[in-house]
Amino acid sequence: GQRFIPSTLDKLRQLRGLLGSRSVEVEVDGGVVVDNIADVAAAGASVFVSGTGIFGTEDYAQTMAEMRRRCAEL
């Protein structure tokens, strides 16, 4: 149930810049929900942990499908 910390997006972009062309998975855990997952992915995350963002919804499958759809639009 942790809230997403917006300054994380800047940190993700900085990390991606430091990594350069290296193929490294970057995970974000905490506050990832349907409404921000695309921003988190665009900033550089490639692995997402979303407990309450999924299990706090009525339809888990629909929520995960929407998260995937929003990431695929990037």
Protein backbone atom coordinates (compact mmCIF):
# COMPACT_ATOMS: atom_id res chain seq x y z
CA GLY A 1 0.00 0.00 0.00
CA GLN A 2 3.00 2.31 -0.30
CA ARG A 3 2.51 5.48 -2.33
CA PHE A 4 4.66 6.13 -5.35
CA ILE A 5 7.39 8.71 -4.80
CA PRO A 6 7.42 10.97 -7.89
CA SER A 7 11.14 11.80 -7.56
CA THR A 8 11.76 8.13 -8.37
CA LEU A 9 11.19 8.96 -12.04
CA ASP A 10 14.20 11.29 -12.10
CA LYS A 11 16.31 8.67 -10.33
CA LEU A 12 15.28 6.05 -12.88
CA ARG A 13 16.25 8.31 -15.77
CA GLN A 14 19.62 9.01 -14.13
CA LEU A 15 20.22 5.30 -13.57
CA ARG A 16 19.37 4.48 -17.19
CA GLY A 17 21.81 7.17 -18.30
CA LEU A 18 24.56 5.68 -16.15
CA LEU A 19 23.88 2.19 -17.46
CA GLY A 20 24.23 3.32 -21.06
CA SER A 21 23.64 0.49 -23.51
CA ARG A 22 24.04 -2.26 -20.91
CA SER A 23 21.13 -4.67 -20.78
CA VAL A 24 20.10 -4.52 -17.13
CA GLU A 25 16.67 -5.10 -15.63
CA VAL A 26 15.61 -2.24 -13.35
CA GLU A 27 12.84 -3.03 -10.87
CA VAL A 28 10.47 -0.64 -9.13
CA ASP A 29 8.60 -1.79 -6.05
CA GLY A 30 6.18 0.55 -4.32
CA GLY A 31 3.19 2.47 -5.55
CA VAL A 32 3.10 1.09 -9.09
CA VAL A 33 -0.50 1.30 -10.32
CA VAL A 34 -2.36 1.50 -13.62
CA ASP A 35 -2.23 5.30 -13.61
CA ASN A 36 1.57 5.57 -13.33
CA ILE A 37 3.03 2.38 -14.78
CA ALA A 38 3.61 3.92 -18.22
CA ASP A 39 5.55 6.82 -16.67
CA VAL A 40 7.62 4.38 -14.62
CA ALA A 41 8.39 2.31 -17.71
CA ALA A 42 9.21 5.36 -19.81
CA ALA A 43 11.64 6.52 -17.12
CA GLY A 44 13.56 3.25 -17.38
CA ALA A 45 12.02 0.49 -15.27
CA SER A 46 11.58 -2.90 -16.88
CA VAL A 47 10.30 -4.93 -13.91
CA PHE A 48 7.34 -3.82 -11.80
CA VAL A 49 6.12 -4.95 -8.39
CA SER A 50 2.52 -4.00 -7.77
CA GLY A 51 0.81 -5.60 -4.80
CA THR A 52 -2.00 -3.27 -3.80
CA GLY A 53 -2.07 -1.84 -7.34
CA ILE A 54 -3.37 -5.23 -8.49
CA PHE A 55 -4.79 -7.00 -5.45
CA GLY A 56 -6.59 -3.86 -4.32
CA THR A 57 -8.74 -3.97 -7.47
CA GLU A 58 -11.82 -6.04 -8.23
CA ASP A 59 -10.51 -7.76 -11.36
CA TYR A 60 -6.84 -8.73 -11.13
CA ALA A 61 -6.62 -10.01 -14.69
CA GLN A 62 -8.19 -6.87 -16.12
CA THR A 63 -5.84 -4.67 -14.09
CA MET A 64 -2.76 -6.57 -15.24
CA ALA A 65 -3.96 -6.47 -18.85
CA GLU A 66 -4.41 -2.70 -18.60
CA MET A 67 -0.93 -2.30 -17.10
CA ARG A 68 0.55 -4.33 -19.97
CA ARG A 69 -1.42 -2.33 -22.52
CA ARG A 70 -0.18 0.99 -21.14
CA CYS A 71 3.43 -0.20 -21.19
CA ALA A 72 3.07 -1.53 -24.73
CA GLU A 73 1.96 1.90 -25.94
CA LEU A 74 5.44 3.34 -25.26
